[in-house]
Each structure stands twice: as C-alpha cells, then as structure tokens.
Amino acid sequence: MTTSQPHALTGLTVAVTAHRRAQEQGGAFERHGARVQYAPALKITPTDEDDDVVAAVRETVASAPGTVLVTTGYGVKRWLAVAKEHGLREELLAALRASTVYARGAKAKGQLQALEIPCAYTGSSGRTAELVDRVLEAGAPGTVTVQLHGTADEEQLERQRSAGLDVRVVAPYRWESADEGSRLSLLVREIAAGDVDYVTFTAAPAVDAVLDAASAAACRDDVVASLREGRCTAVAIGPVCVQPLEEAGITNAVVPERFRLGAMVKAVCDHATAAASR
C-alpha cells in the first residue's frame, strides 16, 4: 500500500460497495484521511450443492483434453472444492492439466500455477473477450469449458457457439444481494445529491446492482448525472468493472493501471490531489 499523500482524502467521503475485503479497502482509504461508508451491493455465494456444478465436473473429466477458460482464481478453487466433495478432485485436476487452459488475468494464472495446471495463455486486458479471441484464432476444434465469473457473458458464449464449438459452462459461485436494510437506497440518494465524493466498485455486477437500486429509488437519472458530472466520482478496479459504467454513459471513472486494491487507493488519492490543485 502506498504511503504517499497521507492526508490526500481528508474531508472526503468514500463509499465502498464491495462485500469481500470491504474492511480492508475501507481501512486503506481511512489511512489517507477519508470518511468511509459501507454499502455492500453483492456477495459471492458458493454453489457446492448445485447439481449443475457437479455435472460440469463430470463433463470436463469426460471431455478432456479440451480448452478451458478460467476467469477467476477463486472460481477454480470452488470448482475443485465441489469435485472433492464428490470424490472427483484428482480426476478434475488431471483433466485440467491435460487441457489447453487460458487464464483471464494474473490472479487466475497464479491459482493455476499453485495447482500445477499449465497455463497456455494469460490475458492482459482482464476481459473474457480476449480469451475468446485467442480460442477463435487458434481454430482448435472440440469442447470449450468456460468457468463463469458469477454471471454468464452470453455474447462471448455465443461467439464460440457460432464458430461451431461445443461450449460448456461451470458456475462454481453466484452473485447474491448483500444489501442489508436500506443502505443501498441511502447510498444512491447521497450519490444523486453529491454528498459522496467517491464510490468504489470491485466487480461489474456491483455497478448494475447500484444502478438497479437507483431505479428502485426513482433517482437513476440523478445518480447517472452526478457520476457523469463528477459531483461523485466512480472508481472501478479494472476494465471489466468499468464497462457497465461506460455503457451508462459514465466515461470519467477512475481506473488504476494495475487491477489491485492498493493501486485503486493510490489512483483515488492522485485524483483527489489533482482535483484539489485545480
């Protein structure tokens, strides 16, 4: 964590929408002087008992070697945890090691390395589309298994199906609402009023959840306007996370160069310092 600009955020309010590692994120902003409020939008829920996940384990074992697209390190861990519960962990590991495996980013690659699963390609953009580009360029026939990041990217799945590939999906976890009471409802009203200086997002579905909460509170247009105009600045941890903001016309979000919590905090501090100097 950067130690520069220890008071860059003094007097500013940062809203944290993450559920996982929320306190760690909030504490980092507090160390730079910010007032932090928490409004978790979504949380990850394992699907250990989901018959579809068990079926995906068996399909992957049966169809190896194939091509496997890994979007998150956590997803691989959950996938193997389900396999272990059904006595199939070693079979799944062997199938993955025999397959051509692509990782969406550094975290996914790190998890593969820890499991001694060879990684044929690691994406640099953090987008599933980059992996699909690679698959289509390779022209490899057969089965492609896509580990989903909580929700399905139907556009990328359809691109592969249209190319004649047998596409299968595995969803070792899903996103569920983490909102307790009316915290999201309060947050969107504060964003609309410009009472929050920054709102941070570490997952794209959280952006959708906040915008949905704004719609439910009848203030979506005001929230979007506040974020577009910079009365409240949106912060996205990476290019995948910022995509739903851009689709809503919010093109001024703060995005760090590296997709890490420390880099995100530094990017906010730098933005606040630059804004203050202006």
Protein backbone atom coordinates (compact mmCIF):
# COMPACT_ATOMS: atom_id res chain seq x y z
CA MET A 1 0.00 0.00 0.00
CA THR A 2 1.31 3.40 -0.92
CA THR A 3 2.37 5.71 1.90
CA SER A 4 2.39 8.86 -0.20
CA GLN A 5 -0.15 11.64 0.30
CA PRO A 6 -1.20 10.51 3.81
CA HIS A 7 -3.95 13.14 4.01
CA ALA A 8 -4.99 13.30 0.35
CA LEU A 9 -8.57 12.30 1.19
CA THR A 10 -9.11 14.39 4.33
CA GLY A 11 -12.61 15.81 4.32
CA LEU A 12 -13.79 13.50 1.56
CA THR A 13 -16.31 10.65 1.74
CA VAL A 14 -15.66 7.33 0.01
CA ALA A 15 -18.45 4.77 -0.35
CA VAL A 16 -17.39 1.12 -0.58
CA THR A 17 -19.81 -1.19 -2.41
CA ALA A 18 -17.71 -4.36 -2.03
CA HIS A 19 -18.67 -7.17 0.32
CA ARG A 20 -15.45 -9.19 0.18
CA ARG A 21 -12.44 -7.40 1.73
CA ALA A 22 -14.61 -4.34 2.40
CA GLN A 23 -12.98 -3.52 5.72
CA GLU A 24 -9.52 -3.85 4.23
CA GLN A 25 -10.48 -1.45 1.45
CA GLY A 26 -12.17 1.00 3.81
CA GLY A 27 -9.24 0.95 6.20
CA ALA A 28 -6.86 1.84 3.38
CA PHE A 29 -8.95 4.89 2.48
CA GLU A 30 -9.25 5.90 6.13
CA ARG A 31 -5.47 5.91 6.45
CA HIS A 32 -5.47 8.63 3.79
CA GLY A 33 -7.95 10.70 5.76
CA ALA A 34 -11.25 9.67 4.15
CA ARG A 35 -14.57 9.18 5.86
CA VAL A 36 -15.73 5.74 4.71
CA GLN A 37 -19.24 4.40 4.50
CA TYR A 38 -20.12 0.84 3.62
CA ALA A 39 -22.97 -0.21 1.34
CA PRO A 40 -22.20 -3.75 0.13
CA ALA A 41 -24.08 -4.42 -3.09
CA LEU A 42 -23.41 -8.09 -3.84
CA LYS A 43 -21.71 -11.06 -2.26
CA ILE A 44 -20.29 -14.28 -3.63
CA THR A 45 -22.20 -17.40 -2.65
CA PRO A 46 -20.64 -20.85 -3.32
CA THR A 47 -22.81 -23.34 -5.20
CA ASP A 48 -21.39 -26.51 -3.66
CA GLU A 49 -24.71 -28.34 -3.73
CA ASP A 50 -25.66 -27.23 -7.26
CA ASP A 51 -26.23 -30.28 -9.46
CA ASP A 52 -25.14 -28.24 -12.48
CA VAL A 53 -21.66 -27.75 -10.99
CA VAL A 54 -21.30 -31.47 -10.30
CA ALA A 55 -22.43 -32.21 -13.84
CA ALA A 56 -19.85 -29.73 -15.17
CA VAL A 57 -17.13 -31.53 -13.21
CA ARG A 58 -18.11 -34.86 -14.77
CA GLU A 59 -18.36 -33.33 -18.27
CA THR A 60 -14.91 -31.78 -18.01
CA VAL A 61 -13.39 -35.07 -16.88
CA ALA A 62 -15.15 -36.95 -19.69
CA SER A 63 -14.28 -34.49 -22.48
CA ALA A 64 -10.60 -33.83 -21.66
CA PRO A 65 -8.40 -32.82 -23.27
CA GLY A 66 -10.29 -29.74 -24.36
CA THR A 67 -9.99 -25.99 -23.97
CA VAL A 68 -10.78 -24.36 -20.62
CA LEU A 69 -11.23 -20.64 -20.00
CA VAL A 70 -10.56 -19.70 -16.37
CA THR A 71 -11.89 -16.27 -15.40
CA THR A 72 -11.07 -16.20 -11.67
CA GLY A 73 -8.71 -17.95 -9.29
CA TYR A 74 -11.48 -18.22 -6.73
CA GLY A 75 -13.64 -19.98 -9.30
CA VAL A 76 -11.01 -22.68 -9.82
CA LYS A 77 -10.77 -23.22 -6.06
CA ARG A 78 -14.55 -23.56 -5.72
CA TRP A 79 -14.73 -25.85 -8.75
CA LEU A 80 -12.16 -28.19 -7.22
CA ALA A 81 -13.88 -27.99 -3.82
CA VAL A 82 -17.10 -29.28 -5.39
CA ALA A 83 -15.16 -32.02 -7.17
CA LYS A 84 -13.54 -33.05 -3.90
CA GLU A 85 -16.89 -33.38 -2.15
CA HIS A 86 -17.89 -35.91 -4.81
CA GLY A 87 -14.58 -37.76 -4.91
CA LEU A 88 -13.57 -36.30 -8.26
CA ARG A 89 -10.86 -33.78 -7.36
CA GLU A 90 -7.92 -35.76 -8.74
CA GLU A 91 -9.83 -36.63 -11.90
CA LEU A 92 -10.69 -32.96 -12.47
CA LEU A 93 -7.10 -31.89 -11.84
CA ALA A 94 -5.86 -34.47 -14.34
CA ALA A 95 -8.41 -33.27 -16.91
CA LEU A 96 -7.38 -29.63 -16.47
CA ARG A 97 -3.69 -30.48 -16.70
CA ALA A 98 -4.34 -32.35 -19.95
CA SER A 99 -6.36 -29.49 -21.45
CA THR A 100 -5.38 -26.18 -23.04
CA VAL A 101 -6.11 -23.69 -20.28
CA TYR A 102 -6.36 -19.91 -20.72
CA ALA A 103 -6.43 -17.53 -17.75
CA ARG A 104 -8.26 -14.21 -17.83
CA GLY A 105 -5.67 -12.46 -15.67
CA ALA A 106 -2.76 -12.73 -13.25
CA LYS A 107 -4.80 -13.94 -10.27
CA ALA A 108 -6.33 -16.77 -12.27
CA LYS A 109 -2.90 -17.71 -13.61
CA GLY A 110 -1.45 -17.69 -10.09
CA GLN A 111 -4.09 -20.13 -8.89
CA LEU A 112 -3.41 -22.41 -11.85
CA GLN A 113 0.33 -22.34 -11.11
CA ALA A 114 -0.33 -23.20 -7.46
CA LEU A 115 -2.27 -26.25 -8.65
CA GLU A 116 0.43 -27.16 -11.21
CA ILE A 117 -2.02 -26.69 -14.09
CA PRO A 118 -0.17 -25.43 -17.20
CA CYS A 119 -1.46 -22.11 -18.49
CA ALA A 120 -1.25 -21.73 -22.26
CA TYR A 121 -2.17 -18.05 -22.32
CA THR A 122 -2.82 -15.24 -19.84
CA GLY A 123 -4.95 -12.29 -20.82
CA SER A 124 -3.68 -8.76 -20.31
CA SER A 125 -6.96 -6.85 -20.55
CA GLY A 126 -8.95 -8.65 -17.86
CA ARG A 127 -11.74 -9.33 -20.38
CA THR A 128 -13.19 -12.72 -21.27
CA ALA A 129 -13.46 -11.48 -24.86
CA GLU A 130 -9.66 -11.57 -25.13
CA LEU A 131 -9.62 -15.27 -24.28
CA VAL A 132 -12.39 -15.96 -26.77
CA ASP A 133 -10.40 -14.08 -29.43
CA ARG A 134 -7.49 -16.40 -28.70
CA VAL A 135 -9.66 -19.52 -28.92
CA LEU A 136 -11.15 -18.48 -32.25
CA GLU A 137 -7.72 -17.54 -33.65
CA ALA A 138 -6.33 -20.93 -32.65
CA GLY A 139 -9.16 -22.63 -34.52
CA ALA A 140 -8.96 -25.65 -32.23
CA PRO A 141 -12.00 -27.92 -32.64
CA GLY A 142 -13.75 -29.63 -29.79
CA THR A 143 -15.07 -28.69 -26.39
CA VAL A 144 -14.58 -25.33 -24.66
CA THR A 145 -15.42 -25.13 -20.97
CA VAL A 146 -15.91 -21.62 -19.57
CA GLN A 147 -15.67 -21.00 -15.82
CA LEU A 148 -18.12 -18.18 -15.22
CA HIS A 149 -17.45 -15.17 -13.04
CA GLY A 150 -20.75 -15.28 -11.15
CA THR A 151 -22.83 -14.46 -14.24
CA ALA A 152 -22.74 -15.62 -17.86
CA ASP A 153 -21.29 -13.41 -20.59
CA GLU A 154 -23.78 -14.53 -23.23
CA GLU A 155 -22.14 -12.53 -26.01
CA GLN A 156 -18.84 -14.36 -25.61
CA LEU A 157 -20.51 -17.75 -25.25
CA GLU A 158 -22.50 -17.15 -28.45
CA ARG A 159 -19.34 -16.12 -30.37
CA GLN A 160 -17.89 -19.55 -29.67
CA ARG A 161 -21.09 -21.44 -30.44
CA SER A 162 -21.39 -19.58 -33.75
CA ALA A 163 -17.89 -20.82 -34.61
CA GLY A 164 -19.09 -24.38 -34.21
CA LEU A 165 -17.54 -25.05 -30.81
CA ASP A 166 -19.19 -27.25 -28.19
CA VAL A 167 -19.40 -24.71 -25.34
CA ARG A 168 -20.00 -25.77 -21.75
CA VAL A 169 -20.12 -23.60 -18.67
CA VAL A 170 -19.38 -24.08 -15.00
CA ALA A 171 -20.52 -21.63 -12.32
CA PRO A 172 -18.85 -22.58 -9.00
CA TYR A 173 -20.36 -19.49 -7.32
CA ARG A 174 -23.01 -16.86 -7.95
CA TRP A 175 -23.68 -13.27 -7.02
CA GLU A 176 -26.41 -12.50 -4.47
CA SER A 177 -27.60 -9.28 -2.90
CA ALA A 178 -25.57 -8.20 0.13
CA ASP A 179 -27.75 -5.22 0.90
CA GLU A 180 -28.95 -5.13 4.49
CA GLY A 181 -31.70 -2.77 5.47
CA SER A 182 -31.71 0.26 3.20
CA ARG A 183 -28.00 1.02 2.82
CA LEU A 184 -28.00 0.91 -0.98
CA SER A 185 -31.14 3.02 -1.13
CA LEU A 186 -29.48 5.61 1.11
CA LEU A 187 -26.24 5.48 -0.91
CA VAL A 188 -27.88 6.14 -4.28
CA ARG A 189 -29.72 9.15 -2.86
CA GLU A 190 -26.45 10.51 -1.46
CA ILE A 191 -24.73 9.98 -4.82
CA ALA A 192 -27.57 11.80 -6.56
CA ALA A 193 -27.25 14.70 -4.11
CA GLY A 194 -23.45 14.84 -4.43
CA ASP A 195 -22.98 14.03 -0.75
CA VAL A 196 -20.48 11.25 -1.55
CA ASP A 197 -17.18 12.15 -3.21
CA TYR A 198 -16.16 8.70 -4.47
CA VAL A 199 -17.96 5.38 -4.86
CA THR A 200 -15.81 2.31 -5.46
CA PHE A 201 -16.58 -0.86 -7.39
CA THR A 202 -14.53 -4.06 -7.46
CA ALA A 203 -16.92 -6.13 -9.59
CA ALA A 204 -19.01 -5.24 -12.63
CA PRO A 205 -22.22 -6.79 -11.25
CA ALA A 206 -22.00 -4.38 -8.30
CA VAL A 207 -22.34 -1.46 -10.72
CA ASP A 208 -25.53 -2.98 -12.09
CA ALA A 209 -26.82 -3.56 -8.55
CA VAL A 210 -26.26 0.09 -7.58
CA LEU A 211 -27.91 1.37 -10.76
CA ASP A 212 -30.83 -1.01 -10.17
CA ALA A 213 -31.13 0.33 -6.62
CA ALA A 214 -31.19 3.85 -8.05
CA SER A 215 -34.00 2.84 -10.40
CA ALA A 216 -35.94 1.37 -7.48
CA ALA A 217 -35.46 4.64 -5.57
CA ALA A 218 -36.63 6.64 -8.62
CA CYS A 219 -33.33 8.51 -8.87
CA ARG A 220 -31.35 6.66 -11.55
CA ASP A 221 -31.14 9.68 -13.85
CA ASP A 222 -29.89 11.85 -10.99
CA VAL A 223 -27.31 9.23 -9.97
CA VAL A 224 -26.01 8.86 -13.52
CA ALA A 225 -25.87 12.65 -13.92
CA SER A 226 -23.95 13.05 -10.67
CA LEU A 227 -21.40 10.43 -11.76
CA ARG A 228 -21.08 11.86 -15.27
CA GLU A 229 -20.57 15.39 -13.98
CA GLY A 230 -18.08 14.34 -11.31
CA ARG A 231 -20.10 15.56 -8.33
CA CYS A 232 -19.47 11.99 -7.21
CA THR A 233 -16.64 10.12 -8.92
CA ALA A 234 -17.00 6.44 -9.74
CA VAL A 235 -13.96 4.22 -9.16
CA ALA A 236 -13.61 0.85 -10.92
CA ILE A 237 -10.81 -1.58 -10.17
CA GLY A 238 -10.31 -2.64 -13.79
CA PRO A 239 -11.53 -2.65 -17.40
CA VAL A 240 -14.20 -5.30 -16.85
CA CYS A 241 -15.56 -3.49 -13.82
CA VAL A 242 -15.74 -0.13 -15.61
CA GLN A 243 -17.65 -1.50 -18.60
CA PRO A 244 -21.21 -1.15 -17.19
CA LEU A 245 -20.37 2.41 -16.11
CA GLU A 246 -19.28 3.29 -19.62
CA GLU A 247 -22.40 1.66 -21.04
CA ALA A 248 -24.41 4.03 -18.85
CA GLY A 249 -22.51 6.99 -20.31
CA ILE A 250 -20.23 7.42 -17.29
CA THR A 251 -16.86 7.78 -19.01
CA ASN A 252 -14.89 9.65 -16.35
CA ALA A 253 -14.43 6.85 -13.82
CA VAL A 254 -11.09 6.48 -12.04
CA VAL A 255 -9.43 3.20 -13.11
CA PRO A 256 -5.99 2.20 -11.78
CA GLU A 257 -3.28 0.95 -14.12
CA ARG A 258 -3.00 -2.27 -12.13
CA PHE A 259 -6.07 -4.24 -11.08
CA ARG A 260 -5.18 -4.25 -7.38
CA LEU A 261 -6.65 -2.74 -4.24
CA GLY A 262 -3.51 -0.75 -3.41
CA ALA A 263 -3.35 0.66 -6.92
CA MET A 264 -7.02 1.65 -6.72
CA VAL A 265 -6.49 3.52 -3.45
CA LYS A 266 -3.47 5.32 -4.92
CA ALA A 267 -5.43 6.25 -8.04
CA VAL A 268 -8.14 7.84 -5.90
CA CYS A 269 -5.55 9.76 -3.85
CA ASP A 270 -3.90 11.02 -7.04
CA HIS A 271 -7.26 12.05 -8.47
CA ALA A 272 -8.22 13.91 -5.28
CA THR A 273 -4.83 15.66 -5.13
CA ALA A 274 -5.12 16.74 -8.76
CA ALA A 275 -8.68 17.97 -8.20
CA ALA A 276 -7.60 19.96 -5.14
CA SER A 277 -4.74 21.60 -7.04
CA ARG A 278 -7.18 22.72 -9.73
